[in-house]
PDB file of N, CA and C in Angstrom:
ATOM      1  N   UNK A   1     -10.095 -14.695  17.093  1.00  0.00           N
ATOM      2  CA  UNK A   1      -9.669 -14.567  15.716  1.00  0.00           C
ATOM      3  C   UNK A   1      -8.370 -15.339  15.508  1.00  0.00           C
ATOM      4  N   UNK A   2      -8.327 -16.093  14.429  1.00  0.00           N
ATOM      5  CA  UNK A   2      -7.130 -16.869  14.120  1.00  0.00           C
ATOM      6  C   UNK A   2      -6.195 -16.028  13.276  1.00  0.00           C
ATOM      7  N   UNK A   3      -4.928 -16.069  13.623  1.00  0.00           N
ATOM      8  CA  UNK A   3      -3.917 -15.306  12.887  1.00  0.00           C
ATOM      9  C   UNK A   3      -3.313 -16.193  11.804  1.00  0.00           C
ATOM     10  N   UNK A   4      -3.957 -16.215  10.645  1.00  0.00           N
ATOM     11  CA  UNK A   4      -3.483 -17.037   9.542  1.00  0.00           C
ATOM     12  C   UNK A   4      -3.249 -16.165   8.320  1.00  0.00           C
ATOM     13  N   UNK A   5      -2.544 -16.720   7.351  1.00  0.00           N
ATOM     14  CA  UNK A   5      -2.324 -16.036   6.079  1.00  0.00           C
ATOM     15  C   UNK A   5      -2.599 -17.076   4.992  1.00  0.00           C
ATOM     16  N   UNK A   6      -3.882 -17.237   4.680  1.00  0.00           N
ATOM     17  CA  UNK A   6      -4.329 -18.300   3.779  1.00  0.00           C
ATOM     18  C   UNK A   6      -4.094 -17.964   2.314  1.00  0.00           C
ATOM     19  N   UNK A   7      -4.303 -18.967   1.493  1.00  0.00           N
ATOM     20  CA  UNK A   7      -4.104 -18.841   0.057  1.00  0.00           C
ATOM     21  C   UNK A   7      -5.003 -17.772  -0.556  1.00  0.00           C
ATOM     22  N   UNK A   8      -6.242 -17.667  -0.094  1.00  0.00           N
ATOM     23  CA  UNK A   8      -7.175 -16.698  -0.680  1.00  0.00           C
ATOM     24  C   UNK A   8      -6.816 -15.256  -0.317  1.00  0.00           C
ATOM     25  N   UNK A   9      -5.929 -15.048   0.645  1.00  0.00           N
ATOM     26  CA  UNK A   9      -5.493 -13.700   1.019  1.00  0.00           C
ATOM     27  C   UNK A   9      -4.266 -13.241   0.244  1.00  0.00           C
ATOM     28  N   UNK A  10      -3.594 -14.153  -0.436  1.00  0.00           N
ATOM     29  CA  UNK A  10      -2.332 -13.831  -1.099  1.00  0.00           C
ATOM     30  C   UNK A  10      -2.575 -13.187  -2.459  1.00  0.00           C
ATOM     31  N   UNK A  11      -1.779 -12.191  -2.747  1.00  0.00           N
ATOM     32  CA  UNK A  11      -1.850 -11.487  -4.024  1.00  0.00           C
ATOM     33  C   UNK A  11      -0.989 -12.239  -5.027  1.00  0.00           C
ATOM     34  N   UNK A  12      -1.632 -12.810  -6.048  1.00  0.00           N
ATOM     35  CA  UNK A  12      -0.909 -13.622  -7.017  1.00  0.00           C
ATOM     36  C   UNK A  12      -1.102 -13.161  -8.456  1.00  0.00           C
ATOM     37  N   UNK A  13      -2.170 -12.441  -8.722  1.00  0.00           N
ATOM     38  CA  UNK A  13      -2.509 -12.053 -10.083  1.00  0.00           C
ATOM     39  C   UNK A  13      -1.533 -11.007 -10.627  1.00  0.00           C
ATOM     40  N   UNK A  14      -0.881 -11.332 -11.731  1.00  0.00           N
ATOM     41  CA  UNK A  14       0.063 -10.398 -12.352  1.00  0.00           C
ATOM     42  C   UNK A  14      -0.654  -9.125 -12.809  1.00  0.00           C
ATOM     43  N   UNK A  15      -1.857  -9.280 -13.308  1.00  0.00           N
ATOM     44  CA  UNK A  15      -2.639  -8.127 -13.753  1.00  0.00           C
ATOM     45  C   UNK A  15      -2.953  -7.197 -12.577  1.00  0.00           C
ATOM     46  N   UNK A  16      -3.345  -7.771 -11.443  1.00  0.00           N
ATOM     47  CA  UNK A  16      -3.643  -6.970 -10.246  1.00  0.00           C
ATOM     48  C   UNK A  16      -2.392  -6.279  -9.716  1.00  0.00           C
ATOM     49  N   UNK A  17      -1.258  -6.951  -9.785  1.00  0.00           N
ATOM     50  CA  UNK A  17      -0.003  -6.364  -9.309  1.00  0.00           C
ATOM     51  C   UNK A  17       0.402  -5.184 -10.191  1.00  0.00           C
ATOM     52  N   UNK A  18       0.293  -5.353 -11.511  1.00  0.00           N
ATOM     53  CA  UNK A  18       0.627  -4.255 -12.429  1.00  0.00           C
ATOM     54  C   UNK A  18      -0.301  -3.059 -12.207  1.00  0.00           C
ATOM     55  N   UNK A  19      -1.574  -3.329 -12.025  1.00  0.00           N
ATOM     56  CA  UNK A  19      -2.549  -2.262 -11.783  1.00  0.00           C
ATOM     57  C   UNK A  19      -2.275  -1.574 -10.444  1.00  0.00           C
ATOM     58  N   UNK A  20      -1.868  -2.341  -9.456  1.00  0.00           N
ATOM     59  CA  UNK A  20      -1.546  -1.787  -8.141  1.00  0.00           C
ATOM     60  C   UNK A  20      -0.402  -0.782  -8.235  1.00  0.00           C
ATOM     61  N   UNK A  21       0.671  -1.138  -8.938  1.00  0.00           N
ATOM     62  CA  UNK A  21       1.814  -0.229  -9.049  1.00  0.00           C
ATOM     63  C   UNK A  21       1.535   0.947  -9.973  1.00  0.00           C
ATOM     64  N   UNK A  22       0.630   0.765 -10.928  1.00  0.00           N
ATOM     65  CA  UNK A  22       0.295   1.864 -11.837  1.00  0.00           C
ATOM     66  C   UNK A  22      -0.623   2.892 -11.181  1.00  0.00           C
ATOM     67  N   UNK A  23      -1.594   2.432 -10.396  1.00  0.00           N
ATOM     68  CA  UNK A  23      -2.632   3.321  -9.877  1.00  0.00           C
ATOM     69  C   UNK A  23      -2.634   3.470  -8.358  1.00  0.00           C
ATOM     70  N   UNK A  24      -1.815   2.688  -7.651  1.00  0.00           N
ATOM     71  CA  UNK A  24      -1.869   2.665  -6.195  1.00  0.00           C
ATOM     72  C   UNK A  24      -1.173   3.838  -5.527  1.00  0.00           C
ATOM     73  N   UNK A  25      -1.462   3.993  -4.240  1.00  0.00           N
ATOM     74  CA  UNK A  25      -0.803   4.988  -3.406  1.00  0.00           C
ATOM     75  C   UNK A  25       0.131   4.248  -2.460  1.00  0.00           C
ATOM     76  N   UNK A  26       1.051   4.990  -1.817  1.00  0.00           N
ATOM     77  CA  UNK A  26       1.980   4.302  -0.938  1.00  0.00           C
ATOM     78  C   UNK A  26       2.169   5.028   0.376  1.00  0.00           C
ATOM     79  N   UNK A  27       2.661   4.277   1.348  1.00  0.00           N
ATOM     80  CA  UNK A  27       3.001   4.788   2.669  1.00  0.00           C
ATOM     81  C   UNK A  27       4.286   4.055   3.081  1.00  0.00           C
ATOM     82  N   UNK A  28       5.173   4.749   3.819  1.00  0.00           N
ATOM     83  CA  UNK A  28       6.462   4.159   4.167  1.00  0.00           C
ATOM     84  C   UNK A  28       6.756   4.250   5.653  1.00  0.00           C
ATOM     85  N   UNK A  29       7.469   3.251   6.121  1.00  0.00           N
ATOM     86  CA  UNK A  29       8.086   3.243   7.441  1.00  0.00           C
ATOM     87  C   UNK A  29       9.404   2.501   7.227  1.00  0.00           C
ATOM     88  N   UNK A  30      10.456   3.259   6.920  1.00  0.00           N
ATOM     89  CA  UNK A  30      11.712   2.656   6.504  1.00  0.00           C
ATOM     90  C   UNK A  30      12.134   1.565   7.471  1.00  0.00           C
ATOM     91  N   UNK A  31      12.499   0.410   6.980  1.00  0.00           N
ATOM     92  CA  UNK A  31      12.798  -0.046   5.632  1.00  0.00           C
ATOM     93  C   UNK A  31      11.632  -0.705   4.892  1.00  0.00           C
ATOM     94  N   UNK A  32      10.404  -0.433   5.291  1.00  0.00           N
ATOM     95  CA  UNK A  32       9.237  -1.007   4.618  1.00  0.00           C
ATOM     96  C   UNK A  32       8.475   0.061   3.856  1.00  0.00           C
ATOM     97  N   UNK A  33       7.881  -0.357   2.754  1.00  0.00           N
ATOM     98  CA  UNK A  33       7.017   0.510   1.959  1.00  0.00           C
ATOM     99  C   UNK A  33       5.786  -0.305   1.589  1.00  0.00           C
ATOM    100  N   UNK A  34       4.630   0.300   1.691  1.00  0.00           N
ATOM    101  CA  UNK A  34       3.386  -0.395   1.396  1.00  0.00           C
ATOM    102  C   UNK A  34       2.663   0.357   0.283  1.00  0.00           C
ATOM    103  N   UNK A  35       2.324  -0.350  -0.780  1.00  0.00           N
ATOM    104  CA  UNK A  35       1.553   0.212  -1.884  1.00  0.00           C
ATOM    105  C   UNK A  35       0.158  -0.390  -1.778  1.00  0.00           C
ATOM    106  N   UNK A  36      -0.872   0.460  -1.857  1.00  0.00           N
ATOM    107  CA  UNK A  36      -2.237  -0.026  -1.660  1.00  0.00           C
ATOM    108  C   UNK A  36      -3.179   0.577  -2.687  1.00  0.00           C
ATOM    109  N   UNK A  37      -4.267  -0.160  -2.932  1.00  0.00           N
ATOM    110  CA  UNK A  37      -5.299   0.274  -3.873  1.00  0.00           C
ATOM    111  C   UNK A  37      -6.603  -0.418  -3.494  1.00  0.00           C
ATOM    112  N   UNK A  38      -7.693   0.271  -3.622  1.00  0.00           N
ATOM    113  CA  UNK A  38      -9.029  -0.291  -3.330  1.00  0.00           C
ATOM    114  C   UNK A  38      -9.395  -1.303  -4.420  1.00  0.00           C
ATOM    115  N   UNK A  39     -10.034  -2.411  -4.022  1.00  0.00           N
ATOM    116  CA  UNK A  39     -10.506  -3.402  -4.982  1.00  0.00           C
ATOM    117  C   UNK A  39     -11.876  -3.919  -4.556  1.00  0.00           C
ATOM    118  N   UNK A  40     -12.396  -4.928  -5.229  1.00  0.00           N
ATOM    119  CA  UNK A  40     -13.711  -5.471  -4.923  1.00  0.00           C
ATOM    120  C   UNK A  40     -13.638  -6.906  -4.395  1.00  0.00           C
ATOM    121  N   UNK A  41     -12.460  -7.464  -4.258  1.00  0.00           N
ATOM    122  CA  UNK A  41     -12.321  -8.899  -4.007  1.00  0.00           C
ATOM    123  C   UNK A  41     -11.814  -9.246  -2.614  1.00  0.00           C
ATOM    124  N   UNK A  42     -11.918  -8.374  -1.639  1.00  0.00           N
ATOM    125  CA  UNK A  42     -11.416  -8.684  -0.310  1.00  0.00           C
ATOM    126  C   UNK A  42      -9.956  -8.261  -0.166  1.00  0.00           C
ATOM    127  N   UNK A  43      -9.396  -8.516   0.979  1.00  0.00           N
ATOM    128  CA  UNK A  43      -8.025  -8.118   1.283  1.00  0.00           C
ATOM    129  C   UNK A  43      -7.047  -9.085   0.633  1.00  0.00           C
ATOM    130  N   UNK A  44      -6.182  -8.566  -0.227  1.00  0.00           N
ATOM    131  CA  UNK A  44      -5.142  -9.352  -0.895  1.00  0.00           C
ATOM    132  C   UNK A  44      -3.800  -8.711  -0.574  1.00  0.00           C
ATOM    133  N   UNK A  45      -2.828  -9.527  -0.169  1.00  0.00           N
ATOM    134  CA  UNK A  45      -1.531  -9.007   0.264  1.00  0.00           C
ATOM    135  C   UNK A  45      -0.403  -9.784  -0.393  1.00  0.00           C
ATOM    136  N   UNK A  46       0.609  -9.044  -0.841  1.00  0.00           N
ATOM    137  CA  UNK A  46       1.821  -9.641  -1.379  1.00  0.00           C
ATOM    138  C   UNK A  46       3.034  -9.019  -0.716  1.00  0.00           C
ATOM    139  N   UNK A  47       4.156  -9.740  -0.731  1.00  0.00           N
ATOM    140  CA  UNK A  47       5.402  -9.216  -0.172  1.00  0.00           C
ATOM    141  C   UNK A  47       6.492  -9.336  -1.225  1.00  0.00           C
ATOM    142  N   UNK A  48       7.501  -8.451  -1.108  1.00  0.00           N
ATOM    143  CA  UNK A  48       8.563  -8.461  -2.097  1.00  0.00           C
ATOM    144  C   UNK A  48       9.870  -7.972  -1.499  1.00  0.00           C
ATOM    145  N   UNK A  49      10.962  -8.572  -1.957  1.00  0.00           N
ATOM    146  CA  UNK A  49      12.313  -8.116  -1.649  1.00  0.00           C
ATOM    147  C   UNK A  49      13.063  -8.080  -2.979  1.00  0.00           C
ATOM    148  N   UNK A  50      13.726  -6.982  -3.250  1.00  0.00           N
ATOM    149  CA  UNK A  50      14.333  -6.743  -4.553  1.00  0.00           C
ATOM    150  C   UNK A  50      15.563  -7.613  -4.814  1.00  0.00           C
ATOM    151  N   UNK A  51      15.657  -8.092  -6.024  1.00  0.00           N
ATOM    152  CA  UNK A  51      16.829  -8.854  -6.441  1.00  0.00           C
ATOM    153  C   UNK A  51      18.044  -7.934  -6.541  1.00  0.00           C
ATOM    154  N   UNK A  52      17.800  -6.675  -6.769  1.00  0.00           N
ATOM    155  CA  UNK A  52      18.878  -5.695  -6.821  1.00  0.00           C
ATOM    156  C   UNK A  52      19.567  -5.559  -5.464  1.00  0.00           C
ATOM    157  N   UNK A  53      18.780  -5.619  -4.383  1.00  0.00           N
ATOM    158  CA  UNK A  53      19.334  -5.476  -3.040  1.00  0.00           C
ATOM    159  C   UNK A  53      19.840  -6.782  -2.443  1.00  0.00           C
ATOM    160  N   UNK A  54      19.241  -7.899  -2.837  1.00  0.00           N
ATOM    161  CA  UNK A  54      19.633  -9.204  -2.312  1.00  0.00           C
ATOM    162  C   UNK A  54      19.928 -10.133  -3.483  1.00  0.00           C
ATOM    163  N   UNK A  55      21.195 -10.294  -3.794  1.00  0.00           N
ATOM    164  CA  UNK A  55      21.592 -11.102  -4.953  1.00  0.00           C
ATOM    165  C   UNK A  55      21.297 -12.588  -4.747  1.00  0.00           C
ATOM    166  N   UNK A  56      21.456 -13.062  -3.506  1.00  0.00           N
ATOM    167  CA  UNK A  56      21.256 -14.481  -3.228  1.00  0.00           C
ATOM    168  C   UNK A  56      19.785 -14.757  -2.948  1.00  0.00           C
ATOM    169  N   UNK A  57      19.266 -15.804  -3.566  1.00  0.00           N
ATOM    170  CA  UNK A  57      17.858 -16.159  -3.403  1.00  0.00           C
ATOM    171  C   UNK A  57      17.534 -16.493  -1.949  1.00  0.00           C
ATOM    172  N   UNK A  58      18.459 -17.105  -1.233  1.00  0.00           N
ATOM    173  CA  UNK A  58      18.185 -17.460   0.163  1.00  0.00           C
ATOM    174  C   UNK A  58      17.955 -16.215   1.009  1.00  0.00           C
ATOM    175  N   UNK A  59      18.650 -15.134   0.696  1.00  0.00           N
ATOM    176  CA  UNK A  59      18.458 -13.883   1.434  1.00  0.00           C
ATOM    177  C   UNK A  59      17.094 -13.270   1.130  1.00  0.00           C
ATOM    178  N   UNK A  60      16.699 -13.271  -0.152  1.00  0.00           N
ATOM    179  CA  UNK A  60      15.381 -12.746  -0.535  1.00  0.00           C
ATOM    180  C   UNK A  60      14.266 -13.546   0.118  1.00  0.00           C
ATOM    181  N   UNK A  61      14.397 -14.855   0.105  1.00  0.00           N
ATOM    182  CA  UNK A  61      13.380 -15.717   0.701  1.00  0.00           C
ATOM    183  C   UNK A  61      13.288 -15.475   2.203  1.00  0.00           C
ATOM    184  N   UNK A  62      14.418 -15.301   2.865  1.00  0.00           N
ATOM    185  CA  UNK A  62      14.428 -15.033   4.312  1.00  0.00           C
ATOM    186  C   UNK A  62      13.678 -13.739   4.627  1.00  0.00           C
ATOM    187  N   UNK A  63      13.960 -12.687   3.861  1.00  0.00           N
ATOM    188  CA  UNK A  63      13.304 -11.401   4.089  1.00  0.00           C
ATOM    189  C   UNK A  63      11.805 -11.519   3.844  1.00  0.00           C
ATOM    190  N   UNK A  64      11.407 -12.213   2.790  1.00  0.00           N
ATOM    191  CA  UNK A  64       9.979 -12.362   2.500  1.00  0.00           C
ATOM    192  C   UNK A  64       9.271 -13.177   3.571  1.00  0.00           C
ATOM    193  N   UNK A  65       9.930 -14.184   4.116  1.00  0.00           N
ATOM    194  CA  UNK A  65       9.342 -14.953   5.224  1.00  0.00           C
ATOM    195  C   UNK A  65       9.123 -14.067   6.440  1.00  0.00           C
ATOM    196  N   UNK A  66      10.102 -13.216   6.744  1.00  0.00           N
ATOM    197  CA  UNK A  66       9.966 -12.304   7.870  1.00  0.00           C
ATOM    198  C   UNK A  66       8.804 -11.336   7.651  1.00  0.00           C
ATOM    199  N   UNK A  67       8.665 -10.816   6.429  1.00  0.00           N
ATOM    200  CA  UNK A  67       7.577  -9.891   6.110  1.00  0.00           C
ATOM    201  C   UNK A  67       6.215 -10.566   6.252  1.00  0.00           C
ATOM    202  N   UNK A  68       6.095 -11.782   5.729  1.00  0.00           N
ATOM    203  CA  UNK A  68       4.819 -12.501   5.824  1.00  0.00           C
ATOM    204  C   UNK A  68       4.450 -12.788   7.274  1.00  0.00           C
ATOM    205  N   UNK A  69       5.431 -13.195   8.075  1.00  0.00           N
ATOM    206  CA  UNK A  69       5.157 -13.503   9.473  1.00  0.00           C
ATOM    207  C   UNK A  69       4.759 -12.253  10.248  1.00  0.00           C
ATOM    208  N   UNK A  70       5.447 -11.135  10.004  1.00  0.00           N
ATOM    209  CA  UNK A  70       5.100  -9.884  10.681  1.00  0.00           C
ATOM    210  C   UNK A  70       3.702  -9.430  10.276  1.00  0.00           C
ATOM    211  N   UNK A  71       3.364  -9.568   9.005  1.00  0.00           N
ATOM    212  CA  UNK A  71       2.011  -9.212   8.559  1.00  0.00           C
ATOM    213  C   UNK A  71       0.976 -10.120   9.216  1.00  0.00           C
ATOM    214  N   UNK A  72       1.238 -11.418   9.232  1.00  0.00           N
ATOM    215  CA  UNK A  72       0.291 -12.382   9.800  1.00  0.00           C
ATOM    216  C   UNK A  72      -0.018 -12.060  11.261  1.00  0.00           C
ATOM    217  N   UNK A  73       1.007 -11.690  12.018  1.00  0.00           N
ATOM    218  CA  UNK A  73       0.813 -11.401  13.433  1.00  0.00           C
ATOM    219  C   UNK A  73       0.112 -10.069  13.684  1.00  0.00           C
ATOM    220  N   UNK A  74       0.212  -9.135  12.726  1.00  0.00           N
ATOM    221  CA  UNK A  74      -0.323  -7.789  12.940  1.00  0.00           C
ATOM    222  C   UNK A  74      -1.518  -7.441  12.062  1.00  0.00           C
ATOM    223  N   UNK A  75      -2.016  -8.383  11.281  1.00  0.00           N
ATOM    224  CA  UNK A  75      -3.121  -8.058  10.384  1.00  0.00           C
ATOM    225  C   UNK A  75      -4.413  -7.772  11.131  1.00  0.00           C
ATOM    226  N   UNK A  76      -4.466  -8.130  12.398  1.00  0.00           N
ATOM    227  CA  UNK A  76      -5.656  -7.821  13.190  1.00  0.00           C
ATOM    228  C   UNK A  76      -5.872  -6.311  13.297  1.00  0.00           C
ATOM    229  N   UNK A  77      -4.808  -5.521  13.159  1.00  0.00           N
ATOM    230  CA  UNK A  77      -4.942  -4.064  13.160  1.00  0.00           C
ATOM    231  C   UNK A  77      -5.836  -3.603  12.009  1.00  0.00           C
ATOM    232  N   UNK A  78      -5.723  -4.263  10.861  1.00  0.00           N
ATOM    233  CA  UNK A  78      -6.544  -3.914   9.700  1.00  0.00           C
ATOM    234  C   UNK A  78      -7.969  -4.432   9.869  1.00  0.00           C
ATOM    235  N   UNK A  79      -8.091  -5.653  10.345  1.00  0.00           N
ATOM    236  CA  UNK A  79      -9.400  -6.274  10.469  1.00  0.00           C
ATOM    237  C   UNK A  79     -10.244  -5.567  11.529  1.00  0.00           C
ATOM    238  N   UNK A  80      -9.619  -5.161  12.632  1.00  0.00           N
ATOM    239  CA  UNK A  80     -10.339  -4.464  13.697  1.00  0.00           C
ATOM    240  C   UNK A  80     -10.918  -3.141  13.221  1.00  0.00           C
ATOM    241  N   UNK A  81     -10.271  -2.505  12.262  1.00  0.00           N
ATOM    242  CA  UNK A  81     -10.748  -1.216  11.752  1.00  0.00           C
ATOM    243  C   UNK A  81     -11.514  -1.365  10.443  1.00  0.00           C
ATOM    244  N   UNK A  82     -11.966  -2.583  10.171  1.00  0.00           N
ATOM    245  CA  UNK A  82     -12.809  -2.868   9.005  1.00  0.00           C
ATOM    246  C   UNK A  82     -12.149  -2.449   7.687  1.00  0.00           C
ATOM    247  N   UNK A  83     -10.827  -2.647   7.604  1.00  0.00           N
ATOM    248  CA  UNK A  83     -10.124  -2.352   6.355  1.00  0.00           C
ATOM    249  C   UNK A  83     -10.092  -3.647   5.550  1.00  0.00           C
ATOM    250  N   UNK A  84     -11.012  -3.742   4.591  1.00  0.00           N
ATOM    251  CA  UNK A  84     -11.034  -4.874   3.686  1.00  0.00           C
ATOM    252  C   UNK A  84     -11.260  -4.331   2.283  1.00  0.00           C
ATOM    253  N   UNK A  85     -11.257  -5.199   1.307  1.00  0.00           N
ATOM    254  CA  UNK A  85     -11.376  -4.791  -0.095  1.00  0.00           C
ATOM    255  C   UNK A  85     -10.229  -3.871  -0.511  1.00  0.00           C
ATOM    256  N   UNK A  86      -9.022  -4.226  -0.127  1.00  0.00           N
ATOM    257  CA  UNK A  86      -7.824  -3.515  -0.557  1.00  0.00           C
ATOM    258  C   UNK A  86      -6.798  -4.520  -1.058  1.00  0.00           C
ATOM    259  N   UNK A  87      -6.003  -4.083  -2.017  1.00  0.00           N
ATOM    260  CA  UNK A  87      -4.858  -4.838  -2.482  1.00  0.00           C
ATOM    261  C   UNK A  87      -3.627  -4.163  -1.900  1.00  0.00           C
ATOM    262  N   UNK A  88      -2.773  -4.928  -1.234  1.00  0.00           N
ATOM    263  CA  UNK A  88      -1.584  -4.386  -0.590  1.00  0.00           C
ATOM    264  C   UNK A  88      -0.337  -5.110  -1.093  1.00  0.00           C
ATOM    265  N   UNK A  89       0.750  -4.371  -1.263  1.00  0.00           N
ATOM    266  CA  UNK A  89       2.047  -4.972  -1.559  1.00  0.00           C
ATOM    267  C   UNK A  89       3.041  -4.368  -0.583  1.00  0.00           C
ATOM    268  N   UNK A  90       3.694  -5.225   0.202  1.00  0.00           N
ATOM    269  CA  UNK A  90       4.663  -4.776   1.184  1.00  0.00           C
ATOM    270  C   UNK A  90       6.052  -5.022   0.614  1.00  0.00           C
ATOM    271  N   UNK A  91       6.833  -3.953   0.490  1.00  0.00           N
ATOM    272  CA  UNK A  91       8.169  -4.027  -0.095  1.00  0.00           C
ATOM    273  C   UNK A  91       9.226  -3.780   0.972  1.00  0.00           C
ATOM    274  N   UNK A  92      10.308  -4.536   0.908  1.00  0.00           N
ATOM    275  CA  UNK A  92      11.452  -4.291   1.792  1.00  0.00           C
ATOM    276  C   UNK A  92      12.484  -3.551   0.952  1.00  0.00           C
ATOM    277  N   UNK A  93      12.862  -2.328   1.348  1.00  0.00           N
ATOM    278  CA  UNK A  93      13.669  -1.476   0.473  1.00  0.00           C
ATOM    279  C   UNK A  93      15.096  -1.230   0.969  1.00  0.00           C
ATOM    280  N   UNK A  94      15.501  -1.868   2.063  1.00  0.00           N
ATOM    281  CA  UNK A  94      16.861  -1.705   2.559  1.00  0.00           C
ATOM    282  C   UNK A  94      17.767  -2.782   1.954  1.00  0.00           C
ATOM    283  N   UNK A  95      19.075  -2.642   2.153  1.00  0.00           N
ATOM    284  CA  UNK A  95      20.021  -3.618   1.615  1.00  0.00           C
ATOM    285  C   UNK A  95      20.510  -4.599   2.670  1.00  0.00           C
ATOM    286  N   UNK A  96      20.209  -4.345   3.956  1.00  0.00           N
ATOM    287  CA  UNK A  96      20.662  -5.236   5.025  1.00  0.00           C
ATOM    288  C   UNK A  96      19.568  -6.247   5.360  1.00  0.00           C
ATOM    289  N   UNK A  97      19.999  -7.453   5.694  1.00  0.00           N
ATOM    290  CA  UNK A  97      19.048  -8.477   6.121  1.00  0.00           C
ATOM    291  C   UNK A  97      18.609  -8.134   7.543  1.00  0.00           C
ATOM    292  N   UNK A  98      17.298  -7.981   7.765  1.00  0.00           N
ATOM    293  CA  UNK A  98      16.814  -7.539   9.080  1.00  0.00           C
ATOM    294  C   UNK A  98      16.629  -8.691  10.054  1.00  0.00           C
ATOM    295  N   UNK A  99      16.442  -8.350  11.317  1.00  0.00           N
ATOM    296  CA  UNK A  99      15.991  -9.343  12.283  1.00  0.00           C
ATOM    297  C   UNK A  99      14.480  -9.168  12.447  1.00  0.00           C
ATOM    298  N   UNK A 100      13.836 -10.163  13.044  1.00  0.00           N
ATOM    299  CA  UNK A 100      12.383 -10.141  13.121  1.00  0.00           C
ATOM    300  C   UNK A 100      11.863  -8.995  13.976  1.00  0.00           C
ATOM    301  N   UNK A 101      12.585  -8.645  15.019  1.00  0.00           N
ATOM    302  CA  UNK A 101      12.135  -7.583  15.918  1.00  0.00           C
ATOM    303  C   UNK A 101      11.974  -6.264  15.163  1.00  0.00           C
ATOM    304  N   UNK A 102      12.939  -5.933  14.312  1.00  0.00           N
ATOM    305  CA  UNK A 102      12.871  -4.704  13.506  1.00  0.00           C
ATOM    306  C   UNK A 102      11.681  -4.756  12.553  1.00  0.00           C
ATOM    307  N   UNK A 103      11.532  -5.860  11.845  1.00  0.00           N
ATOM    308  CA  UNK A 103      10.448  -5.995  10.870  1.00  0.00           C
ATOM    309  C   UNK A 103       9.087  -5.895  11.561  1.00  0.00           C
ATOM    310  N   UNK A 104       8.961  -6.515  12.724  1.00  0.00           N
ATOM    311  CA  UNK A 104       7.691  -6.498  13.444  1.00  0.00           C
ATOM    312  C   UNK A 104       7.320  -5.079  13.900  1.00  0.00           C
ATOM    313  N   UNK A 105       8.262  -4.343  14.469  1.00  0.00           N
ATOM    314  CA  UNK A 105       7.954  -2.986  14.926  1.00  0.00           C
ATOM    315  C   UNK A 105       7.638  -2.067  13.750  1.00  0.00           C
ATOM    316  N   UNK A 106       8.374  -2.200  12.659  1.00  0.00           N
ATOM    317  CA  UNK A 106       8.119  -1.359  11.481  1.00  0.00           C
ATOM    318  C   UNK A 106       6.804  -1.733  10.810  1.00  0.00           C
ATOM    319  N   UNK A 107       6.429  -3.007  10.860  1.00  0.00           N
ATOM    320  CA  UNK A 107       5.148  -3.436  10.292  1.00  0.00           C
ATOM    321  C   UNK A 107       3.995  -2.810  11.068  1.00  0.00           C
ATOM    322  N   UNK A 108       4.097  -2.778  12.393  1.00  0.00           N
ATOM    323  CA  UNK A 108       3.063  -2.143  13.209  1.00  0.00           C
ATOM    324  C   UNK A 108       2.941  -0.666  12.857  1.00  0.00           C
ATOM    325  N   UNK A 109       4.080  -0.010  12.711  1.00  0.00           N
ATOM    326  CA  UNK A 109       4.085   1.414  12.372  1.00  0.00           C
ATOM    327  C   UNK A 109       3.487   1.634  10.985  1.00  0.00           C
ATOM    328  N   UNK A 110       3.844   0.782  10.043  1.00  0.00           N
ATOM    329  CA  UNK A 110       3.347   0.890   8.673  1.00  0.00           C
ATOM    330  C   UNK A 110       1.836   0.689   8.607  1.00  0.00           C
ATOM    331  N   UNK A 111       1.323  -0.314   9.294  1.00  0.00           N
ATOM    332  CA  UNK A 111      -0.112  -0.581   9.267  1.00  0.00           C
ATOM    333  C   UNK A 111      -0.897   0.516   9.983  1.00  0.00           C
ATOM    334  N   UNK A 112      -0.327   1.106  11.026  1.00  0.00           N
ATOM    335  CA  UNK A 112      -1.024   2.216  11.688  1.00  0.00           C
ATOM    336  C   UNK A 112      -1.031   3.459  10.797  1.00  0.00           C
ATOM    337  N   UNK A 113       0.042   3.687  10.036  1.00  0.00           N
ATOM    338  CA  UNK A 113       0.045   4.804   9.073  1.00  0.00           C
ATOM    339  C   UNK A 113      -1.008   4.586   7.992  1.00  0.00           C
ATOM    340  N   UNK A 114      -1.133   3.335   7.544  1.00  0.00           N
ATOM    341  CA  UNK A 114      -2.145   3.010   6.540  1.00  0.00           C
ATOM    342  C   UNK A 114      -3.545   3.267   7.093  1.00  0.00           C
ATOM    343  N   UNK A 115      -3.795   2.839   8.319  1.00  0.00           N
ATOM    344  CA  UNK A 115      -5.089   3.094   8.972  1.00  0.00           C
ATOM    345  C   UNK A 115      -5.417   4.580   8.987  1.00  0.00           C
ATOM    346  N   UNK A 116      -4.411   5.402   9.308  1.00  0.00           N
ATOM    347  CA  UNK A 116      -4.636   6.843   9.400  1.00  0.00           C
ATOM    348  C   UNK A 116      -4.930   7.477   8.041  1.00  0.00           C
ATOM    349  N   UNK A 117      -4.335   6.946   6.968  1.00  0.00           N
ATOM    350  CA  UNK A 117      -4.517   7.514   5.635  1.00  0.00           C
ATOM    351  C   UNK A 117      -5.844   7.146   4.990  1.00  0.00           C
ATOM    352  N   UNK A 118      -6.371   5.987   5.326  1.00  0.00           N
ATOM    353  CA  UNK A 118      -7.580   5.517   4.664  1.00  0.00           C
ATOM    354  C   UNK A 118      -8.815   6.199   5.250  1.00  0.00           C
ATOM    355  N   UNK A 119      -9.800   6.502   4.395  1.00  0.00           N
ATOM    356  CA  UNK A 119     -11.044   7.079   4.903  1.00  0.00           C
ATOM    357  C   UNK A 119     -11.850   6.017   5.641  1.00  0.00           C
ATOM    358  N   UNK A 120     -12.545   6.417   6.692  1.00  0.00           N
ATOM    359  CA  UNK A 120     -13.349   5.458   7.467  1.00  0.00           C
ATOM    360  C   UNK A 120     -14.795   5.494   7.070  1.00  0.00           C
TER     361      UNK A 120
END
């Protein structure tokens, strides 16, 4: 299996994002929070870092790059358990800029919590 994060996997639709936050459920592993909702279009994932917590754009972009990379490396956890047809948004909710090791371990914990919450 190739560990990629292609264009068709990215959550871009504003309508889908609004619906996700209105109707979705969430799971947390501080400093990460994941909002998820069942859909019909395959696995779609988005990442976000708040402008309130990171005033400088370079800091927000750095955090989002770390989130995308951690997801890309660990998405096999979802695929192995046949978790598809979900819309996911991964939020970074702390105010400190993290290192990759922290983000990676918390991403694993977050995805395993998601696996446990979803019906099989």
